[in-house]
Amino acid sequence: MGIVKMLTALALCASLFVTAGVGAMSAGTAEAAEIEVETAETEAAVVMNTATVKGVTWYLVESEAHLRAIGTGEYGLDKNYMQNADITMSTTEWVPIGTESNPFTGQYNGNGCEIRGLTMTSPTVKIIGFFGFAGNAQLYNITLRDLDIETAGGQGKSVGAICARATDCNIHSNEVYSIYD
């Protein structure tokens, strides 16, 4: 289990203890990260927990609804997202995160979890990938399995399994497995 997952689990446990009135979690060492967990809601009633690690707030992505909420309501394209569970997608066509006029500029840490079955098959789509446009973003530790994008788009399309178009980004340590593998 990665350190971030352990810290997140500890934060969730601490949150439960504090809520139940049992007590509060103490850090233990000077180097331990201060962690707070909160719940946030968007207009569409999608709720994403947050974890604050060393002063950085991360939205915890745990479902397809969470993925689809990135870039909507309070889940802005400039936020930090950390995947906290394996996610199996429905067959609903994926719409990439970020557009040319409003690119993703935050961080997405896949955290060693998988996104299974992301699908883009529309023959008219021109931007094809998990992220459409990203600028000054960090996209890492993302695993896409059973990816189905090979038949999408036509002439003039931009394809990148992780990101179709990126400017000044740090994109690394990602794995992609097509349904055709």
C-alpha atoms as a PDB file:
ATOM      1  CA  MET A   1       0.000   0.000   0.000  1.00  0.00           C
ATOM      2  CA  GLY A   2       1.500   3.368  -1.013  1.00  0.00           C
ATOM      3  CA  ILE A   3       2.198   6.082   1.552  1.00  0.00           C
ATOM      4  CA  VAL A   4      -0.548   8.318   0.149  1.00  0.00           C
ATOM      5  CA  LYS A   5      -3.117   5.514   0.403  1.00  0.00           C
ATOM      6  CA  MET A   6      -1.982   4.819   3.984  1.00  0.00           C
ATOM      7  CA  LEU A   7      -2.173   8.519   4.893  1.00  0.00           C
ATOM      8  CA  THR A   8      -5.613   8.746   3.309  1.00  0.00           C
ATOM      9  CA  ALA A   9      -6.794   5.659   5.211  1.00  0.00           C
ATOM     10  CA  LEU A  10      -5.430   7.078   8.467  1.00  0.00           C
ATOM     11  CA  ALA A  11      -7.132  10.387   7.774  1.00  0.00           C
ATOM     12  CA  LEU A  12     -10.452   8.679   7.123  1.00  0.00           C
ATOM     13  CA  CYS A  13     -10.114   6.656  10.345  1.00  0.00           C
ATOM     14  CA  ALA A  14      -9.181   9.783  12.302  1.00  0.00           C
ATOM     15  CA  SER A  15     -12.154  11.586  10.838  1.00  0.00           C
ATOM     16  CA  LEU A  16     -14.451   8.783  11.992  1.00  0.00           C
ATOM     17  CA  PHE A  17     -12.958   8.789  15.492  1.00  0.00           C
ATOM     18  CA  VAL A  18     -13.296  12.557  15.828  1.00  0.00           C
ATOM     19  CA  THR A  19     -16.860  12.439  14.504  1.00  0.00           C
ATOM     20  CA  ALA A  20     -17.736   9.696  16.967  1.00  0.00           C
ATOM     21  CA  GLY A  21     -16.213  11.676  19.830  1.00  0.00           C
ATOM     22  CA  VAL A  22     -13.620   9.002  20.551  1.00  0.00           C
ATOM     23  CA  GLY A  23     -10.605  11.275  20.239  1.00  0.00           C
ATOM     24  CA  ALA A  24      -8.224  12.781  17.744  1.00  0.00           C
ATOM     25  CA  MET A  25      -5.281  11.325  15.863  1.00  0.00           C
ATOM     26  CA  SER A  26      -1.850  12.628  16.802  1.00  0.00           C
ATOM     27  CA  ALA A  27       0.997  12.939  14.338  1.00  0.00           C
ATOM     28  CA  GLY A  28       3.593  10.855  16.196  1.00  0.00           C
ATOM     29  CA  THR A  29       6.654  12.323  14.448  1.00  0.00           C
ATOM     30  CA  ALA A  30       7.673  15.762  13.326  1.00  0.00           C
ATOM     31  CA  GLU A  31       7.835  14.488   9.741  1.00  0.00           C
ATOM     32  CA  ALA A  32       4.296  13.027   9.686  1.00  0.00           C
ATOM     33  CA  ALA A  33       1.937  14.844   7.350  1.00  0.00           C
ATOM     34  CA  GLU A  34      -0.961  16.853   8.713  1.00  0.00           C
ATOM     35  CA  ILE A  35      -4.097  15.341   7.214  1.00  0.00           C
ATOM     36  CA  GLU A  36      -7.652  16.630   7.160  1.00  0.00           C
ATOM     37  CA  VAL A  37     -10.577  14.952   5.413  1.00  0.00           C
ATOM     38  CA  GLU A  38     -13.610  16.880   4.238  1.00  0.00           C
ATOM     39  CA  THR A  39     -16.587  16.182   2.002  1.00  0.00           C
ATOM     40  CA  ALA A  40     -17.624  18.437  -0.874  1.00  0.00           C
ATOM     41  CA  GLU A  41     -20.734  18.412  -3.093  1.00  0.00           C
ATOM     42  CA  THR A  42     -21.384  19.757  -6.588  1.00  0.00           C
ATOM     43  CA  GLU A  43     -24.649  20.835  -8.125  1.00  0.00           C
ATOM     44  CA  ALA A  44     -25.078  17.322  -9.586  1.00  0.00           C
ATOM     45  CA  ALA A  45     -24.747  15.845  -6.062  1.00  0.00           C
ATOM     46  CA  VAL A  46     -21.421  14.183  -6.857  1.00  0.00           C
ATOM     47  CA  VAL A  47     -19.467  14.061  -3.621  1.00  0.00           C
ATOM     48  CA  MET A  48     -15.677  13.822  -3.528  1.00  0.00           C
ATOM     49  CA  ASN A  49     -13.781  13.562  -0.268  1.00  0.00           C
ATOM     50  CA  THR A  50     -10.599  15.576   0.124  1.00  0.00           C
ATOM     51  CA  ALA A  51      -7.359  14.798   1.879  1.00  0.00           C
ATOM     52  CA  THR A  52      -4.923  17.520   2.858  1.00  0.00           C
ATOM     53  CA  VAL A  53      -1.372  16.199   2.898  1.00  0.00           C
ATOM     54  CA  LYS A  54       1.449  18.562   3.900  1.00  0.00           C
ATOM     55  CA  GLY A  55      -0.736  21.561   3.129  1.00  0.00           C
ATOM     56  CA  VAL A  56      -1.848  20.345  -0.328  1.00  0.00           C
ATOM     57  CA  THR A  57      -5.531  19.515  -0.819  1.00  0.00           C
ATOM     58  CA  TRP A  58      -6.320  16.502  -3.005  1.00  0.00           C
ATOM     59  CA  TYR A  59      -9.765  15.521  -4.261  1.00  0.00           C
ATOM     60  CA  LEU A  60     -10.094  11.725  -3.935  1.00  0.00           C
ATOM     61  CA  VAL A  61     -11.366  10.110  -7.159  1.00  0.00           C
ATOM     62  CA  GLU A  62     -13.144   6.829  -6.398  1.00  0.00           C
ATOM     63  CA  SER A  63     -15.816   6.368  -9.100  1.00  0.00           C
ATOM     64  CA  GLU A  64     -16.760   7.067 -12.701  1.00  0.00           C
ATOM     65  CA  ALA A  65     -18.999   9.897 -11.468  1.00  0.00           C
ATOM     66  CA  HIS A  66     -15.959  11.487  -9.800  1.00  0.00           C
ATOM     67  CA  LEU A  67     -13.952  11.257 -13.047  1.00  0.00           C
ATOM     68  CA  ARG A  68     -16.783  12.825 -15.037  1.00  0.00           C
ATOM     69  CA  ALA A  69     -17.123  15.628 -12.446  1.00  0.00           C
ATOM     70  CA  ILE A  70     -13.567  16.907 -12.977  1.00  0.00           C
ATOM     71  CA  GLY A  71     -13.881  20.314 -14.601  1.00  0.00           C
ATOM     72  CA  THR A  72     -17.460  20.897 -13.405  1.00  0.00           C
ATOM     73  CA  GLY A  73     -18.788  22.933 -10.495  1.00  0.00           C
ATOM     74  CA  GLU A  74     -16.275  23.189  -7.679  1.00  0.00           C
ATOM     75  CA  TYR A  75     -14.126  20.415  -9.159  1.00  0.00           C
ATOM     76  CA  GLY A  76     -12.086  22.779 -11.295  1.00  0.00           C
ATOM     77  CA  LEU A  77      -9.495  22.000 -13.908  1.00  0.00           C
ATOM     78  CA  ASP A  78      -6.857  23.653 -11.691  1.00  0.00           C
ATOM     79  CA  LYS A  79      -7.326  21.308  -8.706  1.00  0.00           C
ATOM     80  CA  ASN A  80      -5.305  18.325  -7.481  1.00  0.00           C
ATOM     81  CA  TYR A  81      -6.892  14.888  -7.935  1.00  0.00           C
ATOM     82  CA  MET A  82      -5.732  11.568  -6.547  1.00  0.00           C
ATOM     83  CA  GLN A  83      -7.337   8.326  -7.630  1.00  0.00           C
ATOM     84  CA  ASN A  84      -8.091   6.275  -4.540  1.00  0.00           C
ATOM     85  CA  ALA A  85      -9.730   3.149  -6.026  1.00  0.00           C
ATOM     86  CA  ASP A  86      -9.851   1.055  -9.183  1.00  0.00           C
ATOM     87  CA  ILE A  87     -12.666   2.335 -11.406  1.00  0.00           C
ATOM     88  CA  THR A  88     -14.636   0.337 -13.986  1.00  0.00           C
ATOM     89  CA  MET A  89     -16.245   2.611 -16.562  1.00  0.00           C
ATOM     90  CA  SER A  90     -19.687   2.178 -18.102  1.00  0.00           C
ATOM     91  CA  THR A  91     -20.008   2.013 -21.887  1.00  0.00           C
ATOM     92  CA  THR A  92     -21.010   5.688 -21.972  1.00  0.00           C
ATOM     93  CA  GLU A  93     -18.761   7.625 -24.356  1.00  0.00           C
ATOM     94  CA  TRP A  94     -15.917   9.354 -22.497  1.00  0.00           C
ATOM     95  CA  VAL A  95     -15.528  13.121 -22.880  1.00  0.00           C
ATOM     96  CA  PRO A  96     -11.855  14.078 -22.354  1.00  0.00           C
ATOM     97  CA  ILE A  97     -10.951  16.330 -19.428  1.00  0.00           C
ATOM     98  CA  GLY A  98      -9.962  19.828 -20.558  1.00  0.00           C
ATOM     99  CA  THR A  99     -10.588  21.749 -23.769  1.00  0.00           C
ATOM    100  CA  GLU A 100      -8.375  23.966 -25.908  1.00  0.00           C
ATOM    101  CA  SER A 101      -9.894  27.109 -24.378  1.00  0.00           C
ATOM    102  CA  ASN A 102     -10.022  25.638 -20.844  1.00  0.00           C
ATOM    103  CA  PRO A 103      -7.215  23.081 -20.381  1.00  0.00           C
ATOM    104  CA  PHE A 104      -6.557  20.960 -17.296  1.00  0.00           C
ATOM    105  CA  THR A 105      -3.870  22.766 -15.260  1.00  0.00           C
ATOM    106  CA  GLY A 106      -3.856  20.790 -12.011  1.00  0.00           C
ATOM    107  CA  GLN A 107      -2.393  17.472 -10.940  1.00  0.00           C
ATOM    108  CA  TYR A 108      -3.833  13.997 -11.464  1.00  0.00           C
ATOM    109  CA  ASN A 109      -2.118  11.202  -9.534  1.00  0.00           C
ATOM    110  CA  GLY A 110      -3.459   7.787 -10.567  1.00  0.00           C
ATOM    111  CA  ASN A 111      -1.904   6.443  -7.361  1.00  0.00           C
ATOM    112  CA  GLY A 112      -1.360   2.968  -8.854  1.00  0.00           C
ATOM    113  CA  CYS A 113      -5.104   2.404  -9.322  1.00  0.00           C
ATOM    114  CA  GLU A 114      -6.684   1.385 -12.630  1.00  0.00           C
ATOM    115  CA  ILE A 115      -9.324   2.936 -14.843  1.00  0.00           C
ATOM    116  CA  ARG A 116     -10.827   0.027 -16.757  1.00  0.00           C
ATOM    117  CA  GLY A 117     -12.891   0.289 -19.939  1.00  0.00           C
ATOM    118  CA  LEU A 118     -12.567   3.967 -20.889  1.00  0.00           C
ATOM    119  CA  THR A 119     -14.315   4.181 -24.273  1.00  0.00           C
ATOM    120  CA  MET A 120     -14.304   6.702 -27.125  1.00  0.00           C
ATOM    121  CA  THR A 121     -15.773   5.349 -30.357  1.00  0.00           C
ATOM    122  CA  SER A 122     -17.533   8.347 -31.925  1.00  0.00           C
ATOM    123  CA  PRO A 123     -16.431   8.796 -35.542  1.00  0.00           C
ATOM    124  CA  THR A 124     -16.764  12.592 -35.282  1.00  0.00           C
ATOM    125  CA  VAL A 125     -14.678  13.282 -32.175  1.00  0.00           C
ATOM    126  CA  LYS A 126     -11.375  15.090 -32.883  1.00  0.00           C
ATOM    127  CA  ILE A 127      -9.678  15.090 -29.449  1.00  0.00           C
ATOM    128  CA  ILE A 128      -9.170  11.573 -28.125  1.00  0.00           C
ATOM    129  CA  GLY A 129      -7.720  10.629 -24.736  1.00  0.00           C
ATOM    130  CA  PHE A 130      -8.327  10.550 -20.987  1.00  0.00           C
ATOM    131  CA  PHE A 131      -7.323  14.230 -20.930  1.00  0.00           C
ATOM    132  CA  GLY A 132      -8.072  16.348 -23.985  1.00  0.00           C
ATOM    133  CA  PHE A 133      -5.955  19.432 -23.375  1.00  0.00           C
ATOM    134  CA  ALA A 134      -3.547  20.062 -20.502  1.00  0.00           C
ATOM    135  CA  GLY A 135      -1.260  22.994 -19.804  1.00  0.00           C
ATOM    136  CA  ASN A 136       1.325  23.209 -17.013  1.00  0.00           C
ATOM    137  CA  ALA A 137      -0.267  20.081 -15.530  1.00  0.00           C
ATOM    138  CA  GLN A 138       1.116  16.954 -13.896  1.00  0.00           C
ATOM    139  CA  LEU A 139      -0.381  13.617 -14.988  1.00  0.00           C
ATOM    140  CA  TYR A 140       1.258  10.573 -13.440  1.00  0.00           C
ATOM    141  CA  ASN A 141       0.818   7.030 -12.084  1.00  0.00           C
ATOM    142  CA  ILE A 142      -2.273   6.597 -14.302  1.00  0.00           C
ATOM    143  CA  THR A 143      -3.180   3.102 -15.492  1.00  0.00           C
ATOM    144  CA  LEU A 144      -5.736   2.730 -18.279  1.00  0.00           C
ATOM    145  CA  ARG A 145      -6.775  -0.895 -18.913  1.00  0.00           C
ATOM    146  CA  ASP A 146      -9.107  -2.186 -21.648  1.00  0.00           C
ATOM    147  CA  LEU A 147      -8.918   1.216 -23.333  1.00  0.00           C
ATOM    148  CA  ASP A 148     -11.132   1.486 -26.433  1.00  0.00           C
ATOM    149  CA  ILE A 149     -10.189   4.564 -28.484  1.00  0.00           C
ATOM    150  CA  GLU A 150      -8.738   3.062 -31.666  1.00  0.00           C
ATOM    151  CA  THR A 151     -11.896   3.467 -33.777  1.00  0.00           C
ATOM    152  CA  ALA A 152     -12.714   7.020 -32.628  1.00  0.00           C
ATOM    153  CA  GLY A 153     -12.454  10.082 -34.806  1.00  0.00           C
ATOM    154  CA  GLY A 154     -11.594  10.544 -38.403  1.00  0.00           C
ATOM    155  CA  GLN A 155      -9.116  12.563 -40.389  1.00  0.00           C
ATOM    156  CA  GLY A 156      -7.462  15.371 -38.415  1.00  0.00           C
ATOM    157  CA  LYS A 157      -7.856  13.816 -34.996  1.00  0.00           C
ATOM    158  CA  SER A 158      -5.422  14.232 -32.071  1.00  0.00           C
ATOM    159  CA  VAL A 159      -4.884  11.037 -30.093  1.00  0.00           C
ATOM    160  CA  GLY A 160      -3.019  10.420 -26.865  1.00  0.00           C
ATOM    161  CA  ALA A 161      -4.241   7.742 -24.491  1.00  0.00           C
ATOM    162  CA  ILE A 162      -3.303   9.784 -21.417  1.00  0.00           C
ATOM    163  CA  CYS A 163      -3.481  13.257 -23.002  1.00  0.00           C
ATOM    164  CA  ALA A 164      -4.274  14.258 -26.590  1.00  0.00           C
ATOM    165  CA  ARG A 165      -2.557  17.664 -26.431  1.00  0.00           C
ATOM    166  CA  ALA A 166      -0.226  18.927 -23.729  1.00  0.00           C
ATOM    167  CA  THR A 167       1.803  22.106 -23.291  1.00  0.00           C
ATOM    168  CA  ASP A 168       4.541  22.413 -20.631  1.00  0.00           C
ATOM    169  CA  CYS A 169       3.271  19.359 -18.740  1.00  0.00           C
ATOM    170  CA  ASN A 170       4.950  16.690 -16.647  1.00  0.00           C
ATOM    171  CA  ILE A 171       3.422  13.393 -17.832  1.00  0.00           C
ATOM    172  CA  HIS A 172       5.157  10.259 -16.574  1.00  0.00           C
ATOM    173  CA  SER A 173       4.925   6.785 -15.012  1.00  0.00           C
ATOM    174  CA  ASN A 174       1.677   5.910 -16.810  1.00  0.00           C
ATOM    175  CA  GLU A 175       0.548   2.553 -18.248  1.00  0.00           C
ATOM    176  CA  VAL A 176      -1.938   1.949 -21.077  1.00  0.00           C
ATOM    177  CA  TYR A 177      -3.437  -1.381 -22.174  1.00  0.00           C
ATOM    178  CA  SER A 178      -5.815  -1.449 -25.139  1.00  0.00           C
ATOM    179  CA  ILE A 179      -8.749  -3.848 -25.428  1.00  0.00           C
ATOM    180  CA  TYR A 180      -6.829  -5.194 -28.431  1.00  0.00           C
ATOM    181  CA  ASP A 181      -3.753  -6.190 -26.351  1.00  0.00           C
END
